[in-house]
Amino acid sequence: ETLPEDLPILNSPPDQIASLWTTYQAMREILKPLGLYIHKLDMDDRLSLKITLTTGTIILLGKTDPLLRLERFVKVYPTIFPSDSKIPALNFSFPFSFVSWD
């Protein structure tokens, strides 16, 4: 028996994997209304989070309030980015703004 191909890749320090799994589950629900899915979720040694969506878009969330920052992304996504736009990367690690780049 093989594993499903759509399983996310989770990377974190060994002592943070349970926390990252819980965070992934919450993020999956936040992104679901937009029809976006997490391909990879990375937590670095500083506990900063980076999402790679199945579309290839990278979202940097930092380590402070990542779920709130992801909710901010969900709020602005439909109004700022056309549905057919390719977004290489977004940085939501800033407290009151975000940056997009190619």
C-alpha atoms as a PDB file:
ATOM      1  CA  GLU A   1       0.000   0.000   0.000  1.00  0.00           C
ATOM      2  CA  THR A   2       1.273   3.483  -0.856  1.00  0.00           C
ATOM      3  CA  LEU A   3       0.700   6.836   0.753  1.00  0.00           C
ATOM      4  CA  PRO A   4      -1.563   9.401  -0.932  1.00  0.00           C
ATOM      5  CA  GLU A   5       0.334  11.817  -3.179  1.00  0.00           C
ATOM      6  CA  ASP A   6      -1.346  14.878  -1.681  1.00  0.00           C
ATOM      7  CA  LEU A   7       0.160  14.511   1.800  1.00  0.00           C
ATOM      8  CA  PRO A   8       1.876  17.718   2.909  1.00  0.00           C
ATOM      9  CA  ILE A   9       5.587  17.905   3.602  1.00  0.00           C
ATOM     10  CA  LEU A  10       6.227  19.137   7.151  1.00  0.00           C
ATOM     11  CA  ASN A  11       9.714  20.253   8.238  1.00  0.00           C
ATOM     12  CA  SER A  12      10.552  21.458  11.723  1.00  0.00           C
ATOM     13  CA  PRO A  13      12.991  20.983  14.556  1.00  0.00           C
ATOM     14  CA  PRO A  14      12.290  17.527  16.079  1.00  0.00           C
ATOM     15  CA  ASP A  15      10.795  18.946  19.273  1.00  0.00           C
ATOM     16  CA  GLN A  16       8.274  21.055  17.289  1.00  0.00           C
ATOM     17  CA  ILE A  17       6.693  18.470  14.978  1.00  0.00           C
ATOM     18  CA  ALA A  18       3.529  18.020  17.078  1.00  0.00           C
ATOM     19  CA  SER A  19       3.074  21.787  17.225  1.00  0.00           C
ATOM     20  CA  LEU A  20       3.657  22.078  13.476  1.00  0.00           C
ATOM     21  CA  TRP A  21       1.057  19.376  12.771  1.00  0.00           C
ATOM     22  CA  THR A  22      -1.525  21.270  14.835  1.00  0.00           C
ATOM     23  CA  THR A  23      -0.619  24.507  13.049  1.00  0.00           C
ATOM     24  CA  TYR A  24      -0.892  22.780   9.668  1.00  0.00           C
ATOM     25  CA  GLN A  25      -4.402  21.546  10.467  1.00  0.00           C
ATOM     26  CA  ALA A  26      -5.519  25.068  11.431  1.00  0.00           C
ATOM     27  CA  MET A  27      -3.908  26.571   8.320  1.00  0.00           C
ATOM     28  CA  ARG A  28      -5.553  23.995   6.076  1.00  0.00           C
ATOM     29  CA  GLU A  29      -8.964  25.131   7.353  1.00  0.00           C
ATOM     30  CA  ILE A  30      -8.095  28.823   6.930  1.00  0.00           C
ATOM     31  CA  LEU A  31      -7.058  28.295   3.289  1.00  0.00           C
ATOM     32  CA  LYS A  32      -9.908  25.947   2.351  1.00  0.00           C
ATOM     33  CA  PRO A  33     -12.431  28.703   1.380  1.00  0.00           C
ATOM     34  CA  LEU A  34      -9.962  29.983  -1.257  1.00  0.00           C
ATOM     35  CA  GLY A  35      -9.400  26.520  -2.701  1.00  0.00           C
ATOM     36  CA  LEU A  36      -5.693  26.758  -1.799  1.00  0.00           C
ATOM     37  CA  TYR A  37      -3.750  23.847  -0.368  1.00  0.00           C
ATOM     38  CA  ILE A  38      -0.462  23.478   1.469  1.00  0.00           C
ATOM     39  CA  HIS A  39       2.206  21.457  -0.307  1.00  0.00           C
ATOM     40  CA  LYS A  40       4.928  22.131   2.256  1.00  0.00           C
ATOM     41  CA  LEU A  41       5.101  23.768   5.680  1.00  0.00           C
ATOM     42  CA  ASP A  42       8.525  24.663   7.039  1.00  0.00           C
ATOM     43  CA  MET A  43       9.470  25.800  10.536  1.00  0.00           C
ATOM     44  CA  ASP A  44      13.063  26.928  10.918  1.00  0.00           C
ATOM     45  CA  ASP A  45      15.216  26.886  14.058  1.00  0.00           C
ATOM     46  CA  ARG A  46      13.897  30.353  14.976  1.00  0.00           C
ATOM     47  CA  LEU A  47      10.333  28.913  14.724  1.00  0.00           C
ATOM     48  CA  SER A  48       9.476  31.095  11.711  1.00  0.00           C
ATOM     49  CA  LEU A  49       6.967  29.551   9.322  1.00  0.00           C
ATOM     50  CA  LYS A  50       6.985  29.316   5.528  1.00  0.00           C
ATOM     51  CA  ILE A  51       4.178  27.813   3.466  1.00  0.00           C
ATOM     52  CA  THR A  52       4.574  26.527  -0.064  1.00  0.00           C
ATOM     53  CA  LEU A  53       1.169  26.148  -1.685  1.00  0.00           C
ATOM     54  CA  THR A  54       0.373  23.536  -4.318  1.00  0.00           C
ATOM     55  CA  THR A  55       0.305  26.465  -6.798  1.00  0.00           C
ATOM     56  CA  GLY A  56       3.988  27.104  -6.038  1.00  0.00           C
ATOM     57  CA  THR A  57       3.322  30.353  -4.180  1.00  0.00           C
ATOM     58  CA  ILE A  58       5.491  30.815  -1.084  1.00  0.00           C
ATOM     59  CA  ILE A  59       4.051  32.620   1.941  1.00  0.00           C
ATOM     60  CA  LEU A  60       6.419  33.759   4.688  1.00  0.00           C
ATOM     61  CA  LEU A  61       4.591  34.170   7.997  1.00  0.00           C
ATOM     62  CA  GLY A  62       7.349  34.741  10.542  1.00  0.00           C
ATOM     63  CA  LYS A  63       6.982  33.341  14.032  1.00  0.00           C
ATOM     64  CA  THR A  64       4.596  35.784  15.699  1.00  0.00           C
ATOM     65  CA  ASP A  65       0.862  35.088  15.222  1.00  0.00           C
ATOM     66  CA  PRO A  66       1.193  33.005  12.042  1.00  0.00           C
ATOM     67  CA  LEU A  67      -2.501  32.055  11.991  1.00  0.00           C
ATOM     68  CA  LEU A  68      -3.579  35.699  12.225  1.00  0.00           C
ATOM     69  CA  ARG A  69      -1.162  36.583   9.430  1.00  0.00           C
ATOM     70  CA  LEU A  70      -2.540  33.772   7.273  1.00  0.00           C
ATOM     71  CA  GLU A  71      -6.068  35.038   7.929  1.00  0.00           C
ATOM     72  CA  ARG A  72      -4.885  38.466   6.736  1.00  0.00           C
ATOM     73  CA  PHE A  73      -3.668  36.794   3.525  1.00  0.00           C
ATOM     74  CA  VAL A  74      -7.075  35.147   3.051  1.00  0.00           C
ATOM     75  CA  LYS A  75      -8.799  38.531   3.450  1.00  0.00           C
ATOM     76  CA  VAL A  76      -6.673  40.360   0.869  1.00  0.00           C
ATOM     77  CA  TYR A  77      -6.108  37.543  -1.630  1.00  0.00           C
ATOM     78  CA  PRO A  78      -9.434  37.739  -3.510  1.00  0.00           C
ATOM     79  CA  THR A  79      -9.413  41.542  -3.738  1.00  0.00           C
ATOM     80  CA  ILE A  80      -5.766  42.131  -4.667  1.00  0.00           C
ATOM     81  CA  PHE A  81      -4.829  39.150  -6.814  1.00  0.00           C
ATOM     82  CA  PRO A  82      -6.850  38.077  -9.863  1.00  0.00           C
ATOM     83  CA  SER A  83      -7.864  34.418  -9.801  1.00  0.00           C
ATOM     84  CA  ASP A  84      -5.548  33.579 -12.697  1.00  0.00           C
ATOM     85  CA  SER A  85      -2.481  35.413 -11.379  1.00  0.00           C
ATOM     86  CA  LYS A  86       0.735  33.575 -10.576  1.00  0.00           C
ATOM     87  CA  ILE A  87       2.177  34.863  -7.310  1.00  0.00           C
ATOM     88  CA  PRO A  88       5.743  33.678  -6.676  1.00  0.00           C
ATOM     89  CA  ALA A  89       6.099  34.804  -3.066  1.00  0.00           C
ATOM     90  CA  LEU A  90       4.432  36.851  -0.353  1.00  0.00           C
ATOM     91  CA  ASN A  91       5.963  38.007   2.900  1.00  0.00           C
ATOM     92  CA  PHE A  92       3.401  38.429   5.685  1.00  0.00           C
ATOM     93  CA  SER A  93       6.020  38.453   8.449  1.00  0.00           C
ATOM     94  CA  PHE A  94       5.592  42.216   8.832  1.00  0.00           C
ATOM     95  CA  PRO A  95       3.105  43.313  11.522  1.00  0.00           C
ATOM     96  CA  PHE A  96       0.878  45.604   9.414  1.00  0.00           C
ATOM     97  CA  SER A  97       1.794  45.038   5.778  1.00  0.00           C
ATOM     98  CA  PHE A  98       3.001  42.486   3.265  1.00  0.00           C
ATOM     99  CA  VAL A  99       5.371  42.328   0.320  1.00  0.00           C
ATOM    100  CA  SER A 100       4.994  40.437  -2.967  1.00  0.00           C
ATOM    101  CA  TRP A 101       7.866  39.725  -5.355  1.00  0.00           C
ATOM    102  CA  ASP A 102       8.870  37.704  -8.399  1.00  0.00           C
END
